[in-house]
Protein backbone atom coordinates (compact mmCIF):
# COMPACT_ATOMS: atom_id res chain seq x y z
CA MET A 1 -30.56 -6.79 -29.97
CA GLN A 2 -26.79 -7.20 -29.68
CA SER A 3 -24.90 -8.82 -32.47
CA SER A 4 -23.22 -12.14 -31.92
CA ASN A 5 -19.58 -12.38 -31.02
CA THR A 6 -18.73 -13.72 -34.47
CA SER A 7 -19.93 -10.48 -36.10
CA ARG A 8 -18.05 -8.24 -33.72
CA PRO A 9 -14.93 -6.50 -35.08
CA ARG A 10 -11.54 -8.01 -34.27
CA LEU A 11 -10.11 -6.68 -31.03
CA TRP A 12 -6.68 -8.27 -30.91
CA SER A 13 -3.87 -7.34 -33.28
CA GLY A 14 -0.10 -7.63 -33.15
CA VAL A 15 0.37 -3.93 -32.49
CA PHE A 16 -2.22 -3.92 -29.68
CA VAL A 17 -0.37 -6.77 -27.96
CA VAL A 18 2.92 -4.88 -28.31
CA ILE A 19 1.32 -1.75 -26.80
CA ILE A 20 0.06 -3.77 -23.81
CA LEU A 21 3.51 -5.30 -23.28
CA LEU A 22 5.39 -2.01 -23.46
CA THR A 23 2.81 -0.44 -21.13
CA PHE A 24 3.40 -3.31 -18.72
CA CYS A 25 7.16 -2.69 -18.83
CA CYS A 26 6.79 1.05 -18.21
CA PHE A 27 4.39 0.65 -15.30
CA MET A 28 6.45 -2.19 -13.86
CA VAL A 29 9.51 0.08 -13.79
CA GLY A 30 7.62 3.15 -12.55
CA GLN A 31 5.72 1.44 -9.77
CA GLY A 32 8.65 -0.80 -8.91
CA LEU A 33 10.75 2.31 -8.38
CA ASN A 34 8.04 3.87 -6.24
CA SER A 35 7.72 0.84 -3.98
CA GLY A 36 11.38 -0.14 -3.90
CA THR A 37 12.69 3.35 -3.21
CA SER A 38 10.88 3.54 0.14
CA VAL A 39 12.46 0.25 1.28
CA PHE A 40 15.83 1.26 -0.21
CA LEU A 41 15.78 4.47 1.86
CA SER A 42 14.65 2.58 4.96
CA ARG A 43 17.59 0.19 4.60
CA THR A 44 19.95 3.15 4.45
CA GLY A 45 18.53 4.77 7.59
CA TYR A 46 16.08 7.33 6.23
CA SER A 47 12.48 7.93 7.32
CA ALA A 48 9.14 7.29 5.66
CA SER A 49 8.73 11.05 5.33
CA LEU A 50 11.69 11.22 2.93
CA ALA A 51 10.23 8.35 0.93
CA GLY A 52 6.99 10.31 0.68
CA ALA A 53 8.89 13.41 -0.43
CA PHE A 54 10.56 11.46 -3.22
CA ALA A 55 7.14 10.15 -4.24
CA LEU A 56 6.01 13.75 -4.56
CA VAL A 57 9.08 14.63 -6.69
CA PHE A 58 8.27 11.75 -9.04
CA SER A 59 4.59 12.65 -9.29
CA ALA A 60 5.10 16.41 -9.65
CA THR A 61 7.52 15.85 -12.52
CA ALA A 62 5.16 13.37 -14.11
CA ALA A 63 2.28 15.85 -13.84
CA PHE A 64 4.27 18.63 -15.52
CA VAL A 65 5.44 16.38 -18.35
CA ARG A 66 1.93 15.06 -19.02
CA LEU A 67 0.77 18.64 -19.56
CA CYS A 68 3.49 19.10 -22.18
CA VAL A 69 3.18 15.83 -24.11
CA GLY A 70 -0.63 15.67 -24.43
CA PRO A 71 -0.83 18.25 -27.25
CA LEU A 72 2.31 16.76 -28.84
CA ILE A 73 0.66 13.36 -29.01
CA ASP A 74 -2.47 14.89 -30.53
CA ARG A 75 -0.26 16.25 -33.30
CA GLY A 76 0.75 12.72 -34.34
CA LYS A 77 4.02 12.33 -32.41
CA THR A 78 2.89 9.32 -30.38
CA ALA A 79 5.76 6.98 -31.34
CA LEU A 80 8.37 9.68 -30.76
CA VAL A 81 6.98 10.46 -27.30
CA ILE A 82 6.91 6.77 -26.32
CA MET A 83 10.53 6.14 -27.33
CA GLY A 84 11.84 9.41 -25.88
CA GLY A 85 10.00 8.81 -22.63
CA ILE A 86 11.36 5.30 -22.18
CA ALA A 87 14.89 6.52 -22.97
CA CYS A 88 14.61 9.08 -20.13
CA LEU A 89 13.19 6.38 -17.86
CA ILE A 90 16.20 4.16 -18.56
CA CYS A 91 18.65 6.97 -17.74
CA GLY A 92 16.87 7.91 -14.53
CA THR A 93 16.58 4.30 -13.38
CA PHE A 94 20.23 3.45 -13.94
CA LEU A 95 21.65 6.68 -12.48
CA PRO A 96 21.58 5.53 -8.79
CA VAL A 97 23.70 2.52 -9.77
CA VAL A 98 26.62 4.76 -10.67
CA LEU A 99 25.97 7.78 -8.41
CA GLY A 100 24.98 7.61 -4.75
CA GLY A 101 23.56 10.18 -2.36
CA ILE A 102 20.33 12.14 -1.97
CA PRO A 103 21.13 14.76 -4.68
CA ALA A 104 21.73 12.06 -7.31
CA LEU A 105 18.61 10.21 -6.25
CA THR A 106 16.60 13.44 -6.54
CA VAL A 107 17.78 13.97 -10.11
CA ALA A 108 17.01 10.32 -10.83
CA ARG A 109 13.46 10.70 -9.54
CA VAL A 110 12.92 13.69 -11.83
CA LEU A 111 14.11 11.72 -14.87
CA GLN A 112 12.08 8.71 -13.80
CA GLY A 113 8.88 10.70 -13.35
CA GLY A 114 9.25 12.59 -16.62
CA GLY A 115 10.11 9.54 -18.69
CA PHE A 116 7.37 7.45 -17.12
CA ALA A 117 4.76 10.15 -17.74
CA ALA A 118 5.66 10.69 -21.37
CA ALA A 119 5.79 7.00 -22.26
CA THR A 120 2.59 5.95 -20.48
CA THR A 121 0.52 8.89 -21.73
CA ALA A 122 1.50 8.13 -25.33
CA ALA A 123 0.99 4.39 -24.88
CA SER A 124 -2.54 4.91 -23.54
CA THR A 125 -3.40 7.03 -26.57
CA ALA A 126 -1.83 4.47 -28.90
CA ALA A 127 -4.02 1.74 -27.40
CA ALA A 128 -7.18 3.78 -27.98
CA ASP A 129 -6.00 4.62 -31.51
CA VAL A 130 -5.76 0.99 -32.67
CA LEU A 131 -8.96 -0.39 -31.12
CA PRO A 132 -12.25 -0.82 -33.01
CA ALA A 133 -14.76 1.79 -31.87
CA GLU A 134 -17.38 -0.86 -31.05
CA ARG A 135 -15.09 -2.54 -28.51
CA LEU A 136 -13.24 0.48 -27.15
CA GLY A 137 -14.20 -0.03 -23.51
CA GLU A 138 -13.32 -3.72 -23.58
CA GLY A 139 -10.00 -2.99 -25.26
CA ILE A 140 -9.09 -0.28 -22.78
CA GLY A 141 -9.89 -2.81 -20.08
CA TYR A 142 -7.33 -5.24 -21.48
CA HIS A 143 -4.82 -2.43 -21.92
CA GLY A 144 -5.52 -1.46 -18.32
CA LEU A 145 -4.44 -4.97 -17.37
CA GLY A 146 -0.91 -4.02 -18.39
CA GLN A 147 -1.08 -0.99 -16.10
CA ALA A 148 -2.85 -2.59 -13.16
CA LEU A 149 -0.89 -5.84 -13.28
CA ALA A 150 2.40 -3.97 -13.33
CA MET A 151 1.29 -2.00 -10.28
CA SER A 152 1.48 -5.30 -8.39
CA VAL A 153 4.21 -7.23 -10.22
CA GLY A 154 6.51 -4.18 -10.24
CA PRO A 155 6.50 -3.68 -6.46
CA ALA A 156 6.91 -7.43 -5.84
CA PHE A 157 9.90 -7.58 -8.21
CA ALA A 158 11.33 -4.39 -6.67
CA LEU A 159 11.08 -5.72 -3.11
CA PHE A 160 12.92 -8.85 -4.22
CA LEU A 161 15.69 -6.80 -5.88
CA VAL A 162 16.14 -4.35 -3.01
CA GLY A 163 16.51 -7.29 -0.64
CA THR A 164 19.57 -8.55 -2.53
CA ASP A 165 23.14 -7.38 -2.09
CA PRO A 166 23.85 -4.67 -3.08
CA ALA A 167 20.49 -2.93 -2.76
CA THR A 168 21.25 -0.94 -5.91
CA ASN A 169 20.32 -4.10 -7.80
CA LEU A 170 16.86 -2.54 -7.55
CA TYR A 171 17.84 0.08 -10.11
CA ALA A 172 19.95 -2.17 -12.34
CA GLY A 173 17.17 -4.78 -12.64
CA LEU A 174 14.42 -2.27 -13.36
CA ALA A 175 16.62 -0.50 -15.92
CA LEU A 176 16.82 -3.78 -17.85
CA VAL A 177 13.02 -4.00 -17.85
CA ALA A 178 12.91 -0.46 -19.28
CA VAL A 179 15.30 -1.51 -22.04
CA VAL A 180 12.88 -4.28 -23.01
CA GLY A 181 10.15 -1.65 -23.14
CA LEU A 182 12.23 0.49 -25.51
CA ILE A 183 12.78 -2.46 -27.84
CA LEU A 184 9.02 -3.06 -27.92
CA ALA A 185 8.40 0.63 -28.58
CA CYS A 186 10.62 0.50 -31.66
CA ALA A 187 8.33 -2.24 -33.03
CA CYS A 188 5.17 -0.23 -32.33
CA ARG A 189 4.97 1.88 -35.52
CA TYR A 190 1.34 1.42 -36.51
CA ASP A 191 1.43 4.90 -38.04
CA ARG A 192 3.37 3.43 -40.97
CA HIS A 193 0.72 0.83 -41.81
CA PRO A 194 -2.74 2.14 -40.85
CA GLU A 195 -4.41 -0.25 -43.30
CA THR A 196 -3.59 -3.16 -40.96
CA LEU A 197 -5.71 -1.69 -38.16
CA PRO A 198 -9.44 -2.39 -37.62
CA GLU A 199 -11.64 -0.38 -39.99
CA THR A 200 -13.32 1.57 -37.21
CA SER A 201 -10.14 2.32 -35.26
CA ALA A 202 -9.64 6.03 -34.67
CA PHE A 203 -6.17 6.19 -36.23
CA ARG A 204 -7.17 4.37 -39.43
CA MET A 205 -10.25 6.54 -39.83
CA ARG A 206 -8.13 9.67 -39.53
CA ALA A 207 -5.48 8.32 -41.90
CA GLU A 208 -8.12 7.50 -44.53
CA GLY A 209 -9.90 10.83 -44.15
CA ARG A 210 -13.05 9.32 -42.64
CA ALA A 211 -12.84 11.34 -39.42
CA LYS A 212 -12.95 15.06 -38.81
CA PRO A 213 -9.54 16.72 -38.50
CA VAL A 214 -8.05 17.73 -35.20
CA GLU A 215 -9.61 20.92 -33.96
CA SER A 216 -7.10 23.49 -32.86
CA LYS A 217 -8.03 25.06 -29.56
CA GLY A 218 -5.70 27.70 -28.30
CA GLY A 219 -4.68 28.48 -24.77
CA ALA A 220 -5.33 26.08 -21.91
CA PHE A 221 -7.69 23.91 -23.93
CA ALA A 222 -4.75 22.70 -26.06
CA ILE A 223 -3.37 21.12 -22.89
CA PHE A 224 -6.42 20.32 -20.76
CA GLU A 225 -9.38 18.28 -21.97
CA PRO A 226 -12.19 19.13 -19.54
CA ARG A 227 -14.43 16.41 -20.96
CA ALA A 228 -12.07 13.85 -19.38
CA LEU A 229 -12.87 15.10 -15.87
CA PRO A 230 -15.79 12.68 -15.19
CA GLY A 231 -13.34 9.77 -15.16
CA ALA A 232 -10.36 11.69 -13.79
CA ILE A 233 -11.97 13.25 -10.70
CA PRO A 234 -12.89 9.98 -8.91
CA MET A 235 -9.46 8.59 -9.82
CA LEU A 236 -7.71 11.61 -8.26
CA VAL A 237 -8.96 10.64 -4.81
CA GLN A 238 -8.95 6.87 -5.28
CA SER A 239 -5.34 6.90 -6.47
CA SER A 240 -4.32 8.06 -3.00
CA ALA A 241 -5.37 4.62 -1.76
CA PHE A 242 -3.29 2.98 -4.48
CA GLY A 243 -0.42 5.27 -3.50
CA PHE A 244 -0.37 3.70 -0.06
CA GLY A 245 -0.53 0.26 -1.66
CA ILE A 246 2.38 1.01 -4.01
CA PHE A 247 4.68 2.92 -1.66
CA PHE A 248 3.97 1.60 1.81
CA VAL A 249 2.28 -1.82 1.88
CA GLY A 250 5.65 -3.55 1.48
CA LEU A 251 7.12 -1.41 4.23
CA TYR A 252 4.02 -2.04 6.37
CA GLY A 253 4.49 -5.80 5.89
CA THR A 254 8.03 -5.64 7.22
CA HIS A 255 6.78 -3.43 10.09
CA VAL A 256 4.24 -6.03 11.29
CA GLY A 257 6.70 -8.88 10.85
CA VAL A 258 5.42 -10.52 7.67
CA ALA A 259 7.98 -12.99 6.35
CA HIS A 260 7.45 -12.38 2.62
CA ALA A 261 6.00 -8.88 2.16
CA GLY A 262 6.21 -9.05 -1.63
CA LEU A 263 3.74 -11.94 -1.72
CA PHE A 264 0.91 -9.44 -1.23
CA TYR A 265 1.67 -8.02 -4.67
CA THR A 266 1.90 -11.45 -6.24
CA VAL A 267 -1.56 -12.39 -4.93
CA ALA A 268 -2.90 -9.02 -6.13
CA ALA A 269 -1.44 -9.64 -9.59
CA VAL A 270 -3.21 -12.99 -9.91
CA SER A 271 -6.45 -11.37 -8.79
CA MET A 272 -6.05 -8.63 -11.40
CA ILE A 273 -5.43 -11.12 -14.20
CA ALA A 274 -8.62 -12.96 -13.30
CA VAL A 275 -10.81 -9.85 -13.30
CA ARG A 276 -9.33 -8.38 -16.48
CA LEU A 277 -9.83 -11.65 -18.40
CA LYS A 278 -13.52 -11.27 -17.59
CA SER A 279 -13.61 -7.59 -18.57
CA GLY A 280 -15.47 -8.27 -21.81
CA ALA A 281 -18.48 -9.40 -19.80
CA PHE A 282 -19.00 -6.02 -18.11
CA MET A 283 -16.77 -3.19 -19.35
CA ASP A 284 -18.99 -2.17 -22.27
CA ARG A 285 -22.26 -3.70 -21.01
CA VAL A 286 -22.66 -2.87 -17.31
CA VAL A 287 -23.37 0.67 -16.15
CA PRO A 288 -20.01 2.06 -14.88
CA ILE A 289 -21.33 3.14 -11.47
CA LYS A 290 -22.37 -0.45 -10.73
CA THR A 291 -18.93 -1.76 -11.61
CA PHE A 292 -17.28 1.00 -9.59
CA THR A 293 -19.41 0.08 -6.58
CA VAL A 294 -17.98 -3.44 -6.62
CA ALA A 295 -14.45 -2.04 -6.93
CA ILE A 296 -14.85 0.28 -3.94
CA VAL A 297 -16.27 -2.51 -1.75
CA CYS A 298 -13.30 -4.69 -2.66
CA GLY A 299 -10.91 -1.87 -1.76
CA LEU A 300 -12.51 -1.35 1.64
CA VAL A 301 -12.32 -5.07 2.37
CA ALA A 302 -8.65 -5.16 1.35
CA TYR A 303 -7.63 -2.36 3.68
CA ALA A 304 -9.72 -3.74 6.51
CA MET A 305 -7.79 -6.99 6.16
CA LEU A 306 -4.49 -5.09 6.12
CA TYR A 307 -5.57 -3.28 9.27
CA GLY A 308 -5.84 -6.63 11.04
CA ALA A 309 -2.67 -8.06 9.52
CA GLY A 310 -0.75 -7.52 12.74
CA ALA A 311 -2.74 -10.37 14.28
CA SER A 312 -2.48 -12.71 11.29
CA GLU A 313 0.14 -12.90 8.57
CA TRP A 314 -2.37 -14.62 6.29
CA LEU A 315 -4.67 -11.61 6.40
CA TYR A 316 -1.83 -9.58 4.89
CA TYR A 317 -1.34 -12.01 2.02
CA LEU A 318 -5.04 -12.59 1.32
CA ALA A 319 -5.73 -8.85 1.30
CA GLY A 320 -4.05 -8.90 -2.08
CA ILE A 321 -7.16 -10.57 -3.57
CA PRO A 322 -9.68 -7.75 -3.01
CA TYR A 323 -6.92 -5.16 -3.54
CA GLY A 324 -6.19 -6.65 -6.96
CA LEU A 325 -9.89 -6.65 -7.84
CA CYS A 326 -10.25 -3.01 -6.83
CA LEU A 327 -7.22 -1.83 -8.77
CA GLY A 328 -7.86 -4.09 -11.75
CA ILE A 329 -11.38 -2.72 -12.18
CA SER A 330 -11.06 0.92 -11.16
CA LEU A 331 -8.17 2.15 -13.27
CA PRO A 332 -9.38 0.95 -16.70
CA LEU A 333 -13.02 1.69 -15.81
CA ASN A 334 -12.39 5.34 -15.01
CA GLN A 335 -10.05 5.70 -17.97
CA SER A 336 -12.77 4.28 -20.20
CA VAL A 337 -15.28 6.81 -18.81
CA ALA A 338 -12.82 9.62 -19.59
CA VAL A 339 -12.01 8.41 -23.12
CA LYS A 340 -15.60 7.67 -24.12
CA ASN A 341 -16.62 11.15 -23.04
CA THR A 342 -14.13 12.83 -25.42
CA PRO A 343 -13.64 12.82 -29.22
CA PRO A 344 -10.77 10.74 -30.69
CA GLU A 345 -8.82 13.80 -31.83
CA ARG A 346 -8.46 14.80 -28.16
CA TRP A 347 -7.43 11.43 -26.73
CA GLY A 348 -3.84 12.56 -26.21
CA ALA A 349 -4.97 15.40 -23.95
CA THR A 350 -7.61 13.13 -22.40
CA ASN A 351 -5.10 10.47 -21.33
CA ALA A 352 -2.66 13.16 -20.22
CA LEU A 353 -5.26 14.68 -17.91
CA PHE A 354 -6.46 11.32 -16.59
CA LEU A 355 -2.97 10.04 -15.83
CA LEU A 356 -1.98 13.46 -14.45
CA PHE A 357 -4.78 13.23 -11.90
CA ASN A 358 -3.62 9.69 -11.10
CA ASP A 359 -0.05 10.90 -10.56
CA VAL A 360 -1.10 13.88 -8.45
CA GLY A 361 -3.31 11.69 -6.27
CA ILE A 362 -0.62 9.07 -5.75
CA GLY A 363 2.23 11.52 -5.19
CA THR A 364 0.49 14.05 -2.97
CA ALA A 365 -1.20 11.45 -0.80
CA SER A 366 1.98 9.39 -0.50
CA ALA A 367 3.86 12.39 0.84
CA ILE A 368 1.05 12.85 3.37
CA TRP A 369 0.96 9.14 4.22
CA GLY A 370 4.69 9.23 4.99
CA VAL A 371 4.17 11.98 7.58
CA VAL A 372 1.09 10.29 9.03
CA ASN A 373 2.96 6.99 9.32
CA ASP A 374 5.83 8.62 11.20
CA THR A 375 3.49 10.61 13.47
CA PHE A 376 0.54 8.32 14.20
CA GLY A 377 1.46 4.88 12.85
CA PHE A 378 0.23 2.68 10.03
CA ASN A 379 -3.19 1.88 11.50
CA VAL A 380 -4.28 5.52 11.43
CA THR A 381 -3.00 5.83 7.86
CA ILE A 382 -5.01 2.80 6.75
CA LEU A 383 -8.19 4.31 8.19
CA CYS A 384 -7.49 7.52 6.25
CA VAL A 385 -6.98 5.49 3.07
CA MET A 386 -10.37 3.80 3.55
CA GLY A 387 -11.94 7.23 3.91
CA CYS A 388 -10.44 8.26 0.57
CA LEU A 389 -12.08 5.25 -1.11
CA VAL A 390 -15.48 6.31 0.20
CA ILE A 391 -14.96 9.89 -0.99
CA SER A 392 -13.94 8.72 -4.47
CA TYR A 393 -17.19 6.75 -4.72
CA LEU A 394 -19.24 9.80 -3.78
CA LEU A 395 -17.36 11.84 -6.38
CA ALA A 396 -18.16 9.26 -9.05
CA TRP A 397 -21.87 9.79 -8.38
CA ILE A 398 -21.33 13.52 -8.86
CA ALA A 399 -18.89 13.52 -11.79
CA TYR A 400 -19.93 10.57 -13.99
CA PRO A 401 -22.13 11.42 -17.01
CA LYS A 402 -25.82 10.59 -16.55
CA ALA A 403 -25.57 7.55 -18.82
CA CYS A 404 -22.91 6.10 -16.52
CA LYS A 405 -25.11 6.43 -13.43
CA ARG A 406 -28.36 4.79 -14.57
CA TRP A 407 -28.63 2.15 -11.87
CA LYS A 408 -31.75 0.72 -13.47
CA LYS A 409 -32.13 0.15 -17.20
């Protein structure tokens, strides 16, 4: 029999709230840059293929940096990685304001991708560190709200900024958001006061000597955590669908003549808030494959509505509802599967691998989507995106641990 809510360990703490907020800022900047850059390039006469190439630059850099910072985080350098990552993100975001041209923008995308990867990998590990073990899945769900919500609010804010004069306001505005994130990171030093954390939190248990020490594994295993693959593999393919949503839905809206393309992201954000506020009812209690089934269905409905948006502007806006549900459920769910399948002393490498797969899926697919858009049009691309959602669901049935696939109790 489950214990009552009153006997459950405390989930919320000041440091956990700060981690969610700084995560929100980082993802808002990162995904805002991804979405806004495609429109920024379009306004200056460049093709969707170039926008896709810049997406690949961002994601490839992020993937490389995640490989480097995972072991560093596992050695207790979480706060340093967060602050250093956000500092790089600020520099890369502000650079296009003072230097124009494709070479400068390429350098900026490298700095943006590296800073974003370092900060978000460390922040994900910090969230897992400060949560009580009994409510880890629920807590990761709330932390995932900061990620998923920013993946809608960021693009909406970016499309607003890039529509102002000059268009470089996109980079100035997002740089200010990154500065807020850095200020929050400076306040996130839970390593100095572990006694204030929940008793069963991973970091406090390590600090008080109640957990086994970090095992040193040489070679590739210091970087890769293969036990994170059950959650990372489905996300690798599904993130390609989110890549289209982040990079091209705004551009698609302008293509079909939607008056306020950014409203799609606003509707999606509201939808995400609603589903994440209910995460405690299912994240730790419902078998993950059941929850993932709902998310995939929502994603298919969203893209079907976008497919028909040329005939109705309202279909474009309302597609944000199932899109928000899909994103708001899938990202924290798969991250929870990855984290729960690995020991706490390997959570840095776990989150690095999970987010690396997310970056690779988004970046690689977005580069492909840019070429497909230019060659065959948006409708063909949307059908390909829907196919990726189906494949990710099939992969979940293959990759999830047995306990995550028990359809019947």
